[in-house]
């Protein structure tokens, strides 16, 4: 399973090399934007776009609404995982262990 994380392109680092900076939950990272640029979408036109980022590549454009929804779901999953980890810890150290 592949997981794409929503991020917003903040600037183009190199149009020739198809590299841009993306903000992901406040953290800035360099990504390759070759998958989302073509004759109709220049690298410069990507600034401000929301994209799904996977292993350093902006894989596709998404709407701001889809980005917000995805970030919310990822936050909920993280909270659920934290709660499951706490339950496992308490089960292994509790009276029934």
C-alpha atoms as a PDB file:
ATOM      1  CA  UNK A   1       0.000   0.000   0.000  1.00  0.00           C
ATOM      2  CA  UNK A   2       1.252   3.474  -0.862  1.00  0.00           C
ATOM      3  CA  UNK A   3       0.463   6.478   1.252  1.00  0.00           C
ATOM      4  CA  UNK A   4       0.437   9.943  -0.267  1.00  0.00           C
ATOM      5  CA  UNK A   5       0.685  12.855   2.143  1.00  0.00           C
ATOM      6  CA  UNK A   6      -0.957  16.170   1.182  1.00  0.00           C
ATOM      7  CA  UNK A   7       1.335  19.149   0.860  1.00  0.00           C
ATOM      8  CA  UNK A   8       1.176  22.591  -0.686  1.00  0.00           C
ATOM      9  CA  UNK A   9       3.842  23.749  -3.131  1.00  0.00           C
ATOM     10  CA  UNK A  10       5.412  26.914  -1.756  1.00  0.00           C
ATOM     11  CA  UNK A  11       8.081  27.667  -4.368  1.00  0.00           C
ATOM     12  CA  UNK A  12       9.898  26.279  -7.368  1.00  0.00           C
ATOM     13  CA  UNK A  13      13.536  25.474  -6.594  1.00  0.00           C
ATOM     14  CA  UNK A  14      14.513  24.611 -10.183  1.00  0.00           C
ATOM     15  CA  UNK A  15      12.066  24.665 -13.093  1.00  0.00           C
ATOM     16  CA  UNK A  16      14.609  22.960 -15.363  1.00  0.00           C
ATOM     17  CA  UNK A  17      15.142  20.097 -12.892  1.00  0.00           C
ATOM     18  CA  UNK A  18      11.450  19.987 -11.908  1.00  0.00           C
ATOM     19  CA  UNK A  19      12.160  20.494  -8.201  1.00  0.00           C
ATOM     20  CA  UNK A  20       9.946  22.438  -5.799  1.00  0.00           C
ATOM     21  CA  UNK A  21       9.476  23.023  -2.098  1.00  0.00           C
ATOM     22  CA  UNK A  22       6.325  21.713  -0.480  1.00  0.00           C
ATOM     23  CA  UNK A  23       4.909  22.425   2.982  1.00  0.00           C
ATOM     24  CA  UNK A  24       3.582  19.326   4.692  1.00  0.00           C
ATOM     25  CA  UNK A  25       1.905  20.106   7.991  1.00  0.00           C
ATOM     26  CA  UNK A  26       4.285  23.036   8.495  1.00  0.00           C
ATOM     27  CA  UNK A  27       7.415  21.103   7.508  1.00  0.00           C
ATOM     28  CA  UNK A  28       9.100  22.129   4.259  1.00  0.00           C
ATOM     29  CA  UNK A  29      10.587  19.475   1.990  1.00  0.00           C
ATOM     30  CA  UNK A  30      12.008  19.342  -1.504  1.00  0.00           C
ATOM     31  CA  UNK A  31      10.013  17.253  -3.979  1.00  0.00           C
ATOM     32  CA  UNK A  32      10.219  16.296  -7.616  1.00  0.00           C
ATOM     33  CA  UNK A  33       7.297  17.754  -9.597  1.00  0.00           C
ATOM     34  CA  UNK A  34       7.941  15.987 -12.920  1.00  0.00           C
ATOM     35  CA  UNK A  35       4.755  13.891 -12.503  1.00  0.00           C
ATOM     36  CA  UNK A  36       2.516  16.964 -12.330  1.00  0.00           C
ATOM     37  CA  UNK A  37       4.093  19.186 -14.981  1.00  0.00           C
ATOM     38  CA  UNK A  38       3.610  19.084 -18.744  1.00  0.00           C
ATOM     39  CA  UNK A  39       3.061  21.430 -21.678  1.00  0.00           C
ATOM     40  CA  UNK A  40      -0.122  22.769 -20.070  1.00  0.00           C
ATOM     41  CA  UNK A  41       1.203  22.975 -16.483  1.00  0.00           C
ATOM     42  CA  UNK A  42       4.588  24.660 -16.178  1.00  0.00           C
ATOM     43  CA  UNK A  43       6.618  24.255 -12.977  1.00  0.00           C
ATOM     44  CA  UNK A  44       5.998  27.916 -12.132  1.00  0.00           C
ATOM     45  CA  UNK A  45       2.229  27.385 -12.299  1.00  0.00           C
ATOM     46  CA  UNK A  46       2.444  24.782  -9.510  1.00  0.00           C
ATOM     47  CA  UNK A  47       3.074  27.268  -6.696  1.00  0.00           C
ATOM     48  CA  UNK A  48       0.085  27.187  -4.361  1.00  0.00           C
ATOM     49  CA  UNK A  49      -1.165  23.837  -5.649  1.00  0.00           C
ATOM     50  CA  UNK A  50      -2.007  21.021  -3.237  1.00  0.00           C
ATOM     51  CA  UNK A  51      -0.401  17.715  -4.169  1.00  0.00           C
ATOM     52  CA  UNK A  52      -0.090  14.176  -2.856  1.00  0.00           C
ATOM     53  CA  UNK A  53       3.556  13.483  -1.984  1.00  0.00           C
ATOM     54  CA  UNK A  54       5.018   9.991  -1.935  1.00  0.00           C
ATOM     55  CA  UNK A  55       8.729   9.144  -1.592  1.00  0.00           C
ATOM     56  CA  UNK A  56       9.826  12.622  -2.623  1.00  0.00           C
ATOM     57  CA  UNK A  57       7.546  12.969  -5.647  1.00  0.00           C
ATOM     58  CA  UNK A  58       4.441  15.109  -6.084  1.00  0.00           C
ATOM     59  CA  UNK A  59       2.298  12.356  -7.593  1.00  0.00           C
ATOM     60  CA  UNK A  60      -0.924  14.240  -8.353  1.00  0.00           C
ATOM     61  CA  UNK A  61      -2.772  17.494  -7.762  1.00  0.00           C
ATOM     62  CA  UNK A  62      -5.659  17.526  -5.286  1.00  0.00           C
ATOM     63  CA  UNK A  63      -8.105  20.179  -4.139  1.00  0.00           C
ATOM     64  CA  UNK A  64      -7.640  22.114  -0.909  1.00  0.00           C
ATOM     65  CA  UNK A  65     -10.753  20.393   0.424  1.00  0.00           C
ATOM     66  CA  UNK A  66      -9.387  16.932  -0.350  1.00  0.00           C
ATOM     67  CA  UNK A  67      -6.073  17.881   1.271  1.00  0.00           C
ATOM     68  CA  UNK A  68      -7.823  19.042   4.456  1.00  0.00           C
ATOM     69  CA  UNK A  69      -9.960  15.886   4.606  1.00  0.00           C
ATOM     70  CA  UNK A  70      -6.949  13.621   4.049  1.00  0.00           C
ATOM     71  CA  UNK A  71      -4.892  15.420   6.713  1.00  0.00           C
ATOM     72  CA  UNK A  72      -7.807  15.076   9.147  1.00  0.00           C
ATOM     73  CA  UNK A  73      -8.113  11.334   8.463  1.00  0.00           C
ATOM     74  CA  UNK A  74      -4.343  10.869   8.879  1.00  0.00           C
ATOM     75  CA  UNK A  75      -4.503  12.727  12.202  1.00  0.00           C
ATOM     76  CA  UNK A  76      -7.367  10.502  13.364  1.00  0.00           C
ATOM     77  CA  UNK A  77      -5.459   7.382  12.315  1.00  0.00           C
ATOM     78  CA  UNK A  78      -2.434   8.565  14.274  1.00  0.00           C
ATOM     79  CA  UNK A  79      -4.580   9.145  17.360  1.00  0.00           C
ATOM     80  CA  UNK A  80      -6.194   5.720  16.965  1.00  0.00           C
ATOM     81  CA  UNK A  81      -2.771   4.084  16.627  1.00  0.00           C
ATOM     82  CA  UNK A  82      -1.564   5.875  19.775  1.00  0.00           C
ATOM     83  CA  UNK A  83      -4.606   4.624  21.698  1.00  0.00           C
ATOM     84  CA  UNK A  84      -4.079   1.042  20.453  1.00  0.00           C
ATOM     85  CA  UNK A  85      -0.420   1.225  21.509  1.00  0.00           C
ATOM     86  CA  UNK A  86      -1.493   2.401  24.975  1.00  0.00           C
ATOM     87  CA  UNK A  87      -3.962  -0.481  25.221  1.00  0.00           C
ATOM     88  CA  UNK A  88      -1.240  -2.990  24.262  1.00  0.00           C
ATOM     89  CA  UNK A  89       1.114  -1.527  26.848  1.00  0.00           C
ATOM     90  CA  UNK A  90      -1.470  -1.649  29.616  1.00  0.00           C
ATOM     91  CA  UNK A  91      -2.429  -5.216  28.656  1.00  0.00           C
ATOM     92  CA  UNK A  92       1.149  -6.398  28.891  1.00  0.00           C
ATOM     93  CA  UNK A  93       1.725  -4.749  32.283  1.00  0.00           C
ATOM     94  CA  UNK A  94      -1.739  -5.085  33.782  1.00  0.00           C
ATOM     95  CA  UNK A  95      -3.114  -7.636  36.269  1.00  0.00           C
ATOM     96  CA  UNK A  96      -3.940 -10.186  33.540  1.00  0.00           C
ATOM     97  CA  UNK A  97      -0.396 -10.247  32.131  1.00  0.00           C
END
